[in-house]
Protein backbone atom coordinates (compact mmCIF):
# COMPACT_ATOMS: atom_id res chain seq x y z
CA MET A 1 -8.32 12.48 -2.54
CA ASN A 2 -8.29 16.10 -1.79
CA LYS A 3 -4.72 16.36 -3.18
CA ILE A 4 -5.53 14.38 -6.47
CA THR A 5 -8.53 16.70 -7.20
CA GLU A 6 -6.54 20.02 -6.52
CA GLU A 7 -3.86 18.67 -9.16
CA LEU A 8 -6.64 17.66 -11.64
CA LYS A 9 -8.00 21.34 -11.03
CA SER A 10 -4.67 22.59 -11.74
CA LEU A 11 -4.43 24.09 -15.35
CA MET A 12 -0.99 22.71 -16.78
CA ARG A 13 0.23 25.06 -19.51
CA PRO A 14 3.26 23.96 -21.87
CA ARG A 15 6.54 25.91 -20.99
CA ALA A 16 8.97 24.22 -23.25
CA ALA A 17 9.60 21.24 -25.77
CA LEU A 18 12.43 19.05 -25.63
CA ILE A 19 12.86 17.75 -29.12
CA ALA A 20 15.58 14.29 -29.88
CA TYR A 21 17.37 14.11 -32.88
CA ARG A 22 18.94 10.94 -34.17
CA GLY A 23 21.18 10.05 -37.12
CA GLU A 24 19.76 8.43 -40.29
CA ASN A 25 21.93 5.47 -39.41
CA THR A 26 19.37 3.27 -37.51
CA ARG A 27 22.58 1.89 -35.75
CA SER A 28 23.79 5.19 -34.64
CA HIS A 29 23.71 6.14 -31.07
CA ASP A 30 24.53 9.77 -31.57
CA TYR A 31 21.68 12.21 -30.31
CA PHE A 32 21.31 15.79 -30.40
CA LEU A 33 18.89 17.58 -27.90
CA GLU A 34 17.35 20.85 -28.41
CA LEU A 35 15.00 22.78 -26.33
CA ARG A 36 12.54 25.46 -27.48
CA GLU A 37 10.62 27.33 -25.18
CA ILE A 38 6.94 27.92 -25.51
CA ASN A 39 5.26 31.21 -25.08
CA ASP A 40 2.04 32.32 -23.34
CA LYS A 41 0.27 31.79 -26.89
CA GLY A 42 1.58 28.35 -27.19
CA VAL A 43 3.96 29.31 -30.09
CA MET A 44 7.84 27.80 -29.66
CA GLY A 45 10.44 29.81 -29.99
CA GLU A 46 13.94 29.61 -31.45
CA ALA A 47 15.74 26.42 -30.59
CA ILE A 48 18.63 26.46 -27.78
CA PRO A 49 21.01 24.18 -26.48
CA VAL A 50 20.08 22.15 -23.80
CA THR A 51 21.75 22.97 -20.56
CA PHE A 52 22.59 20.24 -17.57
CA ASP A 53 20.76 22.51 -15.33
CA PHE A 54 17.65 21.74 -17.34
CA MET A 55 17.80 17.83 -17.69
CA ASN A 56 19.13 17.98 -13.73
CA GLU A 57 15.80 19.76 -12.77
CA ILE A 58 13.50 17.21 -14.93
CA ALA A 59 15.73 14.06 -13.64
CA ALA A 60 14.89 15.43 -9.99
CA ASN A 61 11.29 15.96 -10.62
CA TYR A 62 11.03 12.41 -12.24
CA SER A 63 12.92 10.52 -9.20
CA GLU A 64 10.91 12.59 -6.77
CA ALA A 65 7.59 11.01 -8.73
CA HIS A 66 8.86 7.65 -8.83
CA ASN A 67 10.41 7.05 -5.48
CA GLY A 68 9.34 4.58 -2.66
CA THR A 69 10.56 1.39 -4.28
CA PRO A 70 11.66 -0.88 -1.17
CA VAL A 71 15.17 -1.43 -0.68
CA GLY A 72 17.48 -3.72 1.46
CA VAL A 73 17.10 -7.52 2.83
CA LEU A 74 13.86 -9.09 2.06
CA PRO A 75 11.81 -9.96 5.37
CA GLN A 76 11.25 -13.87 5.82
CA ASN A 77 7.66 -12.92 6.35
CA LEU A 78 7.12 -11.38 2.69
CA LEU A 79 5.42 -13.83 0.44
CA CYS A 80 4.97 -11.74 -2.88
CA ALA A 81 5.98 -8.37 -4.05
CA ASP A 82 5.35 -6.59 -7.25
CA THR A 83 7.18 -3.12 -7.08
CA ARG A 84 6.15 -1.88 -10.77
CA LYS A 85 4.82 1.96 -10.94
CA GLY A 86 0.80 1.78 -10.89
CA SER A 87 0.93 -2.12 -10.13
CA GLU A 88 2.62 -2.18 -6.74
CA LYS A 89 1.57 -5.26 -4.40
CA TYR A 90 3.05 -6.65 -1.29
CA ILE A 91 1.95 -9.69 0.87
CA TRP A 92 3.06 -10.86 4.01
CA TYR A 93 2.16 -12.40 7.01
CA ASN A 94 2.35 -12.35 10.86
CA PRO A 95 2.07 -15.62 13.12
CA PRO A 96 -0.45 -15.40 16.04
CA ARG A 97 0.60 -12.45 18.65
CA LYS A 98 -0.64 -9.79 21.03
CA ARG A 99 -1.79 -6.46 19.38
CA MET A 100 -2.46 -2.99 20.91
CA MET A 101 -5.75 -2.33 19.64
CA TYR A 102 -7.97 1.04 20.00
CA PHE A 103 -11.75 1.09 19.83
CA VAL A 104 -14.33 4.09 19.76
CA PRO A 105 -16.09 4.23 23.17
CA ASN A 106 -19.27 3.00 22.33
CA LEU A 107 -18.26 -0.47 21.41
CA GLY A 108 -17.54 -0.88 25.23
CA ILE A 109 -13.87 -2.59 24.76
CA GLU A 110 -10.87 -1.47 26.39
CA ASN A 111 -7.91 -0.17 24.66
CA ALA A 112 -5.30 -2.77 25.54
CA GLU A 113 -3.32 -5.55 23.94
CA TYR A 114 -5.25 -8.46 22.56
CA HIS A 115 -4.22 -11.80 21.18
CA VAL A 116 -4.60 -12.27 17.51
CA PRO A 117 -4.61 -14.97 15.03
CA ALA A 118 -2.44 -15.43 12.22
CA ILE A 119 -2.57 -12.33 9.78
CA ILE A 120 -2.01 -12.00 6.04
CA TYR A 121 -1.65 -8.73 4.48
CA VAL A 122 -2.09 -7.72 1.03
CA ALA A 123 -1.15 -4.15 -0.14
CA LYS A 124 -2.00 -3.05 -3.28
CA GLU A 125 -1.18 0.52 -4.39
CA SER A 126 -3.45 2.62 -1.94
CA THR A 127 -5.58 -0.30 -0.14
CA LEU A 128 -5.10 -3.11 2.25
CA CYS A 129 -6.69 -5.94 2.77
CA VAL A 130 -6.20 -8.67 5.87
CA TYR A 131 -7.41 -12.36 6.13
CA ALA A 132 -6.55 -14.70 9.13
CA TYR A 133 -5.47 -18.28 8.56
CA LYS A 134 -4.79 -21.58 10.76
CA ASP A 135 -1.89 -23.50 9.44
CA LYS A 136 1.26 -23.62 11.35
CA LYS A 137 3.05 -23.44 8.33
CA LEU A 138 1.58 -21.60 5.06
CA SER A 139 1.55 -23.45 1.81
CA ASP A 140 -0.44 -22.60 -1.62
CA GLU A 141 -3.41 -24.72 -0.18
CA THR A 142 -3.35 -22.83 3.11
CA GLU A 143 -7.23 -21.88 3.77
CA LEU A 144 -7.91 -18.01 4.22
CA TYR A 145 -10.96 -16.61 6.81
CA ALA A 146 -12.22 -13.56 7.64
CA ALA A 147 -10.33 -11.17 9.56
CA PRO A 148 -11.92 -11.29 13.12
CA PHE A 149 -11.66 -7.40 13.19
CA PHE A 150 -14.05 -4.25 13.01
CA ASN A 151 -13.28 -2.04 10.19
CA THR A 152 -12.62 -4.99 7.82
CA SER A 153 -14.53 -6.73 5.24
CA THR A 154 -13.29 -9.53 2.47
CA THR A 155 -12.28 -6.68 -0.13
CA SER A 156 -10.65 -4.17 1.87
CA VAL A 157 -9.98 -2.62 5.13
CA CYS A 158 -11.17 1.01 6.18
CA LEU A 159 -8.20 3.08 7.05
CA GLY A 160 -9.71 6.39 7.41
CA ALA A 161 -8.66 7.10 11.01
CA ALA A 162 -4.86 6.39 10.34
CA LYS A 163 -3.05 8.99 9.37
CA LEU A 164 0.80 8.39 8.56
CA LYS A 165 3.41 9.46 6.48
CA LYS A 166 4.43 6.80 3.79
CA PRO A 167 8.33 6.68 4.21
CA THR A 168 9.75 7.85 0.58
CA ASN A 169 12.95 5.76 0.50
CA PRO A 170 11.82 2.71 2.62
CA THR A 171 13.37 -0.45 3.57
CA TRP A 172 11.31 -3.39 2.94
CA THR A 173 10.83 -3.78 6.64
CA GLU A 174 9.92 -0.23 6.83
CA LEU A 175 7.55 -0.32 4.25
CA LEU A 176 5.59 -3.44 5.77
CA GLU A 177 5.57 -1.85 9.38
CA TYR A 178 4.13 1.24 7.61
CA TRP A 179 1.14 -0.87 6.44
CA GLU A 180 0.78 -2.73 9.45
CA LYS A 181 0.65 0.67 11.57
CA LYS A 182 -1.98 1.75 9.36
CA PHE A 183 -4.00 -0.91 10.22
CA TRP A 184 -3.56 -1.31 13.78
CA LEU A 185 -3.12 2.16 15.14
CA THR A 186 -6.70 2.81 13.33
CA GLU A 187 -9.47 3.20 15.92
CA PHE A 188 -11.60 0.23 15.73
CA SER A 189 -15.23 1.51 15.20
CA HIS A 190 -17.64 -0.65 12.82
CA LEU A 191 -18.59 -3.67 11.23
CA ALA A 192 -17.65 -3.03 7.46
CA GLY A 193 -19.26 -6.58 5.84
CA GLY A 194 -21.34 -8.17 8.68
CA ASN A 195 -19.88 -10.14 11.80
CA PRO A 196 -16.89 -11.61 10.85
CA THR A 197 -16.58 -14.00 13.66
CA LYS A 198 -18.87 -17.19 14.47
CA ASN A 199 -20.20 -15.71 17.53
CA ASN A 200 -20.47 -11.54 18.70
CA LEU A 201 -17.24 -9.90 17.47
CA VAL A 202 -17.50 -7.67 20.89
CA LEU A 203 -17.65 -10.83 22.89
CA VAL A 204 -14.91 -12.54 20.62
CA THR A 205 -12.58 -9.79 21.31
CA LYS A 206 -12.93 -9.25 24.89
CA ALA A 207 -12.14 -12.96 25.57
CA ALA A 208 -8.83 -12.57 23.44
CA LYS A 209 -7.39 -10.28 26.02
CA ASP A 210 -6.30 -12.29 28.44
CA LYS A 211 -6.07 -15.74 26.29
CA ASP A 212 -5.27 -16.64 22.96
CA PHE A 213 -7.63 -16.22 19.97
CA ASN A 214 -9.94 -19.19 19.57
CA PRO A 215 -9.49 -20.26 15.92
CA ASP A 216 -12.63 -21.74 16.15
CA GLU A 217 -14.13 -18.42 15.89
CA LEU A 218 -12.94 -17.68 12.48
CA LYS A 219 -15.57 -17.71 9.16
CA SER A 220 -14.43 -19.14 6.16
CA ILE A 221 -14.30 -16.90 2.92
CA ASN A 222 -13.85 -19.87 0.45
CA LYS A 223 -10.31 -18.63 -0.77
CA LYS A 224 -6.88 -20.23 -0.56
CA LEU A 225 -3.52 -18.56 -0.38
CA LYS A 226 -2.66 -19.53 -4.03
CA ASP A 227 -5.86 -17.41 -4.72
CA ILE A 228 -4.38 -14.09 -3.76
CA LEU A 229 -0.98 -14.91 -4.57
CA LYS A 230 -2.05 -14.74 -8.76
């Protein structure tokens, strides 16, 4: 937000106008480009030929602003992907496993590896949601449950403590790993939307240190997988 605020406060001044001409014949693919510099008073100067250096600079700036689209082989756990700029959305899952988890001292939970249930992640633009599920095989009718973790709610995850640089030209695997690290490297600290498990989350978490997470602790949120794949 600080970067966005700084950019909004920066006064943008016109420096040049790029004018494209096309022949009167609508079927013609012949174009002519001219460049007119704009002075400090906002007045356009004489037309000059467009140089390769000028066009290359525009192309480089455009590419830098629009990079980040994942490339490579699609991971098997990827369920949905929308790569349109301004509408980016990725949905994927992890089966039950052990995860290293970090907690603020006042929770009284040891920083260690804990068993966690199967998780579905939804990364949309700059936000992340996580859900738990029980099914061994996913389908549209798979029921979703509240993620049994601190810092989470049914709408979003608090990622304030996770500071990672997003890869600029990631593979699909690198992009998903980036989002997972933002979540799992966060120091869990608070209940974002009430207790997400049937019993006290502190006790539920501690119990999952030496044995599998108890799926009976999960709370239904009246959503199915098909509801988030829309």
